[in-house]
C-alpha atoms as a PDB file:
ATOM      1  CA  UNK A   1      24.579  -9.706  26.018  1.00  0.00           C
ATOM      2  CA  UNK A   2      22.706  -7.431  23.614  1.00  0.00           C
ATOM      3  CA  UNK A   3      24.511  -3.908  22.198  1.00  0.00           C
ATOM      4  CA  UNK A   4      22.884  -0.987  23.434  1.00  0.00           C
ATOM      5  CA  UNK A   5      22.559   0.511  20.453  1.00  0.00           C
ATOM      6  CA  UNK A   6      20.212  -2.426  18.994  1.00  0.00           C
ATOM      7  CA  UNK A   7      18.193  -2.508  21.698  1.00  0.00           C
ATOM      8  CA  UNK A   8      17.082   0.842  20.931  1.00  0.00           C
ATOM      9  CA  UNK A   9      16.814   0.920  17.236  1.00  0.00           C
ATOM     10  CA  UNK A  10      14.790  -2.360  18.031  1.00  0.00           C
ATOM     11  CA  UNK A  11      12.470  -0.612  20.197  1.00  0.00           C
ATOM     12  CA  UNK A  12      12.045   2.584  17.682  1.00  0.00           C
ATOM     13  CA  UNK A  13      11.141   0.027  15.340  1.00  0.00           C
ATOM     14  CA  UNK A  14       8.709  -1.752  17.387  1.00  0.00           C
ATOM     15  CA  UNK A  15       6.546   1.793  18.702  1.00  0.00           C
ATOM     16  CA  UNK A  16       6.161   2.450  15.129  1.00  0.00           C
ATOM     17  CA  UNK A  17       2.939   1.811  14.013  1.00  0.00           C
ATOM     18  CA  UNK A  18       2.138  -1.119  11.993  1.00  0.00           C
ATOM     19  CA  UNK A  19       1.238  -1.290   7.934  1.00  0.00           C
ATOM     20  CA  UNK A  20       0.266  -2.883   5.563  1.00  0.00           C
ATOM     21  CA  UNK A  21       0.970  -2.176   1.973  1.00  0.00           C
ATOM     22  CA  UNK A  22      -1.453  -4.056  -1.383  1.00  0.00           C
ATOM     23  CA  UNK A  23      -0.874  -2.654  -4.653  1.00  0.00           C
ATOM     24  CA  UNK A  24      -3.729  -3.855  -7.379  1.00  0.00           C
ATOM     25  CA  UNK A  25      -0.970  -4.103 -10.961  1.00  0.00           C
ATOM     26  CA  UNK A  26      -4.773  -4.278 -13.168  1.00  0.00           C
ATOM     27  CA  UNK A  27      -5.478  -1.231 -11.813  1.00  0.00           C
ATOM     28  CA  UNK A  28      -1.908   1.121 -11.092  1.00  0.00           C
ATOM     29  CA  UNK A  29       1.301   0.377 -13.351  1.00  0.00           C
ATOM     30  CA  UNK A  30       3.837   0.831 -11.266  1.00  0.00           C
ATOM     31  CA  UNK A  31       7.387   1.445 -12.063  1.00  0.00           C
ATOM     32  CA  UNK A  32      10.207  -0.534 -10.416  1.00  0.00           C
ATOM     33  CA  UNK A  33      11.560   2.734  -9.473  1.00  0.00           C
ATOM     34  CA  UNK A  34       8.065   3.979  -7.934  1.00  0.00           C
ATOM     35  CA  UNK A  35       7.508   0.845  -6.001  1.00  0.00           C
ATOM     36  CA  UNK A  36      11.376   1.520  -4.645  1.00  0.00           C
ATOM     37  CA  UNK A  37      10.163   4.976  -3.319  1.00  0.00           C
ATOM     38  CA  UNK A  38       6.893   3.550  -2.130  1.00  0.00           C
ATOM     39  CA  UNK A  39       9.229   1.093   0.276  1.00  0.00           C
ATOM     40  CA  UNK A  40      11.229   3.731   0.713  1.00  0.00           C
ATOM     41  CA  UNK A  41       8.686   6.043   1.874  1.00  0.00           C
ATOM     42  CA  UNK A  42       6.608   3.792   3.809  1.00  0.00           C
ATOM     43  CA  UNK A  43       9.049   2.271   5.689  1.00  0.00           C
ATOM     44  CA  UNK A  44      10.236   5.585   7.157  1.00  0.00           C
ATOM     45  CA  UNK A  45       7.548   6.143   8.410  1.00  0.00           C
ATOM     46  CA  UNK A  46       5.888   2.671   9.706  1.00  0.00           C
ATOM     47  CA  UNK A  47       7.229  -0.822  10.103  1.00  0.00           C
ATOM     48  CA  UNK A  48       5.799  -2.180   6.974  1.00  0.00           C
ATOM     49  CA  UNK A  49       4.355  -5.550   7.997  1.00  0.00           C
ATOM     50  CA  UNK A  50       3.745  -6.655   4.619  1.00  0.00           C
ATOM     51  CA  UNK A  51       3.492  -5.658   1.199  1.00  0.00           C
ATOM     52  CA  UNK A  52       1.908  -7.565  -1.750  1.00  0.00           C
ATOM     53  CA  UNK A  53       1.037  -7.533  -5.630  1.00  0.00           C
ATOM     54  CA  UNK A  54      -1.859  -8.511  -7.239  1.00  0.00           C
ATOM     55  CA  UNK A  55      -1.569  -9.776 -10.908  1.00  0.00           C
ATOM     56  CA  UNK A  56      -2.899 -12.173 -13.582  1.00  0.00           C
ATOM     57  CA  UNK A  57      -0.195 -14.009 -15.164  1.00  0.00           C
ATOM     58  CA  UNK A  58      -2.428 -14.337 -18.262  1.00  0.00           C
ATOM     59  CA  UNK A  59      -1.487 -11.017 -18.991  1.00  0.00           C
ATOM     60  CA  UNK A  60       2.068 -10.583 -20.001  1.00  0.00           C
ATOM     61  CA  UNK A  61       2.894  -6.577 -19.398  1.00  0.00           C
ATOM     62  CA  UNK A  62       1.845  -7.439 -15.658  1.00  0.00           C
ATOM     63  CA  UNK A  63       3.616 -11.041 -15.409  1.00  0.00           C
ATOM     64  CA  UNK A  64       6.472  -8.361 -15.939  1.00  0.00           C
ATOM     65  CA  UNK A  65       5.719  -6.338 -13.780  1.00  0.00           C
ATOM     66  CA  UNK A  66       5.173  -8.226 -10.738  1.00  0.00           C
ATOM     67  CA  UNK A  67       8.684  -9.372 -11.981  1.00  0.00           C
ATOM     68  CA  UNK A  68       9.629  -6.008 -10.803  1.00  0.00           C
ATOM     69  CA  UNK A  69       8.423  -5.765  -7.332  1.00  0.00           C
ATOM     70  CA  UNK A  70      10.123  -9.411  -6.252  1.00  0.00           C
ATOM     71  CA  UNK A  71      12.786  -8.284  -7.061  1.00  0.00           C
ATOM     72  CA  UNK A  72      11.696  -4.837  -4.289  1.00  0.00           C
ATOM     73  CA  UNK A  73      10.870  -7.874  -2.285  1.00  0.00           C
ATOM     74  CA  UNK A  74       6.823  -7.613  -2.720  1.00  0.00           C
ATOM     75  CA  UNK A  75       4.754 -10.844  -2.997  1.00  0.00           C
ATOM     76  CA  UNK A  76       3.641 -11.190  -5.771  1.00  0.00           C
ATOM     77  CA  UNK A  77      -0.586 -12.960  -6.398  1.00  0.00           C
ATOM     78  CA  UNK A  78      -1.109 -14.339  -9.384  1.00  0.00           C
ATOM     79  CA  UNK A  79      -4.934 -14.189  -9.525  1.00  0.00           C
ATOM     80  CA  UNK A  80      -5.560 -16.934 -12.343  1.00  0.00           C
ATOM     81  CA  UNK A  81      -9.534 -16.432 -13.162  1.00  0.00           C
ATOM     82  CA  UNK A  82     -11.550 -14.521 -16.088  1.00  0.00           C
ATOM     83  CA  UNK A  83     -14.528 -12.944 -13.255  1.00  0.00           C
ATOM     84  CA  UNK A  84     -14.741  -9.101 -13.471  1.00  0.00           C
ATOM     85  CA  UNK A  85     -13.087  -8.394 -11.068  1.00  0.00           C
ATOM     86  CA  UNK A  86     -10.700 -11.529  -9.564  1.00  0.00           C
ATOM     87  CA  UNK A  87      -8.025  -9.342  -8.340  1.00  0.00           C
ATOM     88  CA  UNK A  88      -9.825  -6.789  -6.801  1.00  0.00           C
ATOM     89  CA  UNK A  89     -11.851  -9.835  -4.926  1.00  0.00           C
ATOM     90  CA  UNK A  90      -8.252 -11.554  -4.270  1.00  0.00           C
ATOM     91  CA  UNK A  91      -7.182  -7.918  -2.295  1.00  0.00           C
ATOM     92  CA  UNK A  92      -9.801  -7.104  -0.876  1.00  0.00           C
ATOM     93  CA  UNK A  93     -10.214 -11.156   1.230  1.00  0.00           C
ATOM     94  CA  UNK A  94      -6.451 -10.857   2.189  1.00  0.00           C
ATOM     95  CA  UNK A  95      -6.538  -7.573   3.422  1.00  0.00           C
ATOM     96  CA  UNK A  96      -9.885  -8.372   5.166  1.00  0.00           C
ATOM     97  CA  UNK A  97      -7.449 -11.440   6.553  1.00  0.00           C
ATOM     98  CA  UNK A  98      -4.558  -9.456   7.711  1.00  0.00           C
ATOM     99  CA  UNK A  99      -6.961  -6.585   9.863  1.00  0.00           C
ATOM    100  CA  UNK A 100      -8.336  -9.931  11.489  1.00  0.00           C
ATOM    101  CA  UNK A 101      -4.729 -11.461  12.543  1.00  0.00           C
ATOM    102  CA  UNK A 102      -2.936  -9.903  15.560  1.00  0.00           C
ATOM    103  CA  UNK A 103      -0.724  -7.918  15.285  1.00  0.00           C
ATOM    104  CA  UNK A 104      -3.190  -5.376  13.736  1.00  0.00           C
ATOM    105  CA  UNK A 105      -1.636  -2.928  11.023  1.00  0.00           C
ATOM    106  CA  UNK A 106      -2.902   0.551  11.875  1.00  0.00           C
ATOM    107  CA  UNK A 107      -2.423   1.603   8.172  1.00  0.00           C
ATOM    108  CA  UNK A 108      -3.340   0.081   5.454  1.00  0.00           C
ATOM    109  CA  UNK A 109      -1.860   0.929   2.201  1.00  0.00           C
ATOM    110  CA  UNK A 110      -3.594   0.796  -1.145  1.00  0.00           C
ATOM    111  CA  UNK A 111      -1.675   1.145  -4.218  1.00  0.00           C
ATOM    112  CA  UNK A 112      -5.391   1.787  -6.907  1.00  0.00           C
ATOM    113  CA  UNK A 113      -7.706   4.198  -8.105  1.00  0.00           C
ATOM    114  CA  UNK A 114     -10.519   1.487  -8.619  1.00  0.00           C
ATOM    115  CA  UNK A 115     -13.540   1.870  -7.268  1.00  0.00           C
ATOM    116  CA  UNK A 116     -14.211  -1.608  -6.146  1.00  0.00           C
ATOM    117  CA  UNK A 117     -11.850  -0.903  -2.990  1.00  0.00           C
ATOM    118  CA  UNK A 118     -15.079   1.709  -1.547  1.00  0.00           C
ATOM    119  CA  UNK A 119     -17.070  -0.733   0.612  1.00  0.00           C
ATOM    120  CA  UNK A 120     -13.090  -2.091   1.968  1.00  0.00           C
ATOM    121  CA  UNK A 121     -12.474   1.336   2.591  1.00  0.00           C
ATOM    122  CA  UNK A 122     -15.091   2.498   4.972  1.00  0.00           C
ATOM    123  CA  UNK A 123     -15.050  -0.513   6.533  1.00  0.00           C
ATOM    124  CA  UNK A 124     -11.220  -0.085   6.902  1.00  0.00           C
ATOM    125  CA  UNK A 125     -12.221   3.691   8.100  1.00  0.00           C
ATOM    126  CA  UNK A 126     -14.635   2.212  10.368  1.00  0.00           C
ATOM    127  CA  UNK A 127     -13.056   0.516  12.535  1.00  0.00           C
ATOM    128  CA  UNK A 128     -10.220   3.303  13.389  1.00  0.00           C
ATOM    129  CA  UNK A 129      -7.459   2.088  10.091  1.00  0.00           C
ATOM    130  CA  UNK A 130      -5.418   4.979   8.669  1.00  0.00           C
ATOM    131  CA  UNK A 131      -6.591   3.923   4.891  1.00  0.00           C
ATOM    132  CA  UNK A 132      -4.053   5.762   2.526  1.00  0.00           C
ATOM    133  CA  UNK A 133      -4.719   5.668  -1.111  1.00  0.00           C
ATOM    134  CA  UNK A 134      -1.999   6.139  -4.341  1.00  0.00           C
ATOM    135  CA  UNK A 135      -3.976   6.197  -7.300  1.00  0.00           C
ATOM    136  CA  UNK A 136      -2.306   6.645 -11.482  1.00  0.00           C
ATOM    137  CA  UNK A 137      -3.151   9.958 -12.435  1.00  0.00           C
ATOM    138  CA  UNK A 138      -6.600  10.316 -14.963  1.00  0.00           C
ATOM    139  CA  UNK A 139      -7.906   7.254 -13.632  1.00  0.00           C
ATOM    140  CA  UNK A 140      -8.142   7.663 -10.509  1.00  0.00           C
ATOM    141  CA  UNK A 141     -12.685   7.370  -8.637  1.00  0.00           C
ATOM    142  CA  UNK A 142     -13.734  10.846  -7.048  1.00  0.00           C
ATOM    143  CA  UNK A 143     -14.842   8.293  -4.643  1.00  0.00           C
ATOM    144  CA  UNK A 144     -11.942   6.758  -3.225  1.00  0.00           C
ATOM    145  CA  UNK A 145     -10.426  10.477  -3.023  1.00  0.00           C
ATOM    146  CA  UNK A 146     -13.633  11.583  -0.792  1.00  0.00           C
ATOM    147  CA  UNK A 147     -13.060   8.836   1.649  1.00  0.00           C
ATOM    148  CA  UNK A 148     -10.066   9.448   2.808  1.00  0.00           C
ATOM    149  CA  UNK A 149      -9.679  12.761   2.241  1.00  0.00           C
ATOM    150  CA  UNK A 150      -6.721  14.995   0.346  1.00  0.00           C
ATOM    151  CA  UNK A 151      -4.335  14.425   3.324  1.00  0.00           C
ATOM    152  CA  UNK A 152      -4.393  10.317   2.699  1.00  0.00           C
ATOM    153  CA  UNK A 153      -4.201  10.610  -1.027  1.00  0.00           C
ATOM    154  CA  UNK A 154      -1.780  10.604  -3.482  1.00  0.00           C
ATOM    155  CA  UNK A 155      -0.729  10.364  -7.037  1.00  0.00           C
ATOM    156  CA  UNK A 156       2.026   7.401  -7.285  1.00  0.00           C
ATOM    157  CA  UNK A 157       3.802  10.446  -9.629  1.00  0.00           C
ATOM    158  CA  UNK A 158       3.711  11.906  -6.526  1.00  0.00           C
ATOM    159  CA  UNK A 159       5.847  10.186  -4.659  1.00  0.00           C
ATOM    160  CA  UNK A 160       9.022  11.290  -5.242  1.00  0.00           C
ATOM    161  CA  UNK A 161       8.365  14.730  -3.639  1.00  0.00           C
ATOM    162  CA  UNK A 162       6.189  12.886  -0.573  1.00  0.00           C
ATOM    163  CA  UNK A 163       9.688  10.726   0.099  1.00  0.00           C
ATOM    164  CA  UNK A 164      12.262  13.710  -1.205  1.00  0.00           C
ATOM    165  CA  UNK A 165      10.080  15.418   1.891  1.00  0.00           C
ATOM    166  CA  UNK A 166       8.985  18.934   0.043  1.00  0.00           C
ATOM    167  CA  UNK A 167       5.439  18.019   0.796  1.00  0.00           C
ATOM    168  CA  UNK A 168       7.376  17.077   4.307  1.00  0.00           C
ATOM    169  CA  UNK A 169       3.568  18.483   6.328  1.00  0.00           C
ATOM    170  CA  UNK A 170       1.786  15.772   4.677  1.00  0.00           C
ATOM    171  CA  UNK A 171       3.556  13.699   4.438  1.00  0.00           C
ATOM    172  CA  UNK A 172       4.112  14.566   8.499  1.00  0.00           C
ATOM    173  CA  UNK A 173       0.310  14.521   9.005  1.00  0.00           C
ATOM    174  CA  UNK A 174       0.085  10.474   6.922  1.00  0.00           C
ATOM    175  CA  UNK A 175       2.316   9.548   9.629  1.00  0.00           C
ATOM    176  CA  UNK A 176       0.224  10.760  12.773  1.00  0.00           C
END
């Protein structure tokens, strides 16, 4: 017989929207602390279905960053191609593939300020997905900011205040 407390907790978790998180390590250099805050923030709002970090192991700094993220449970995706934007293309492909498989995520979190993600974001918005973008300050594309809007765009270094509730109204709108 199932414990009533466990059953209620499971129902609450199941009623939360499903989210998927994709991190472009080549574009956003997350510290382990920032990555932990990002995961904690996402998991406090949604059921996090997958969280992946895209990198090229030929780049030592990306490999080190990936190792730190994998310690937190991220799935590292090594994109060895030297073709321009190969990691972006792999991330886009994986995101589209995930959106096509049930259960469909309601929320897509993209950690990148790269304008190459604008077509993906436009498509996902057109099919009714909520898109949240986290980017490095001073390297975020204005096009991405305009696509998702100020409510769904955040700088990665603002995570502590988002998670702590210092911008509670903004965080509440994300979960709507």
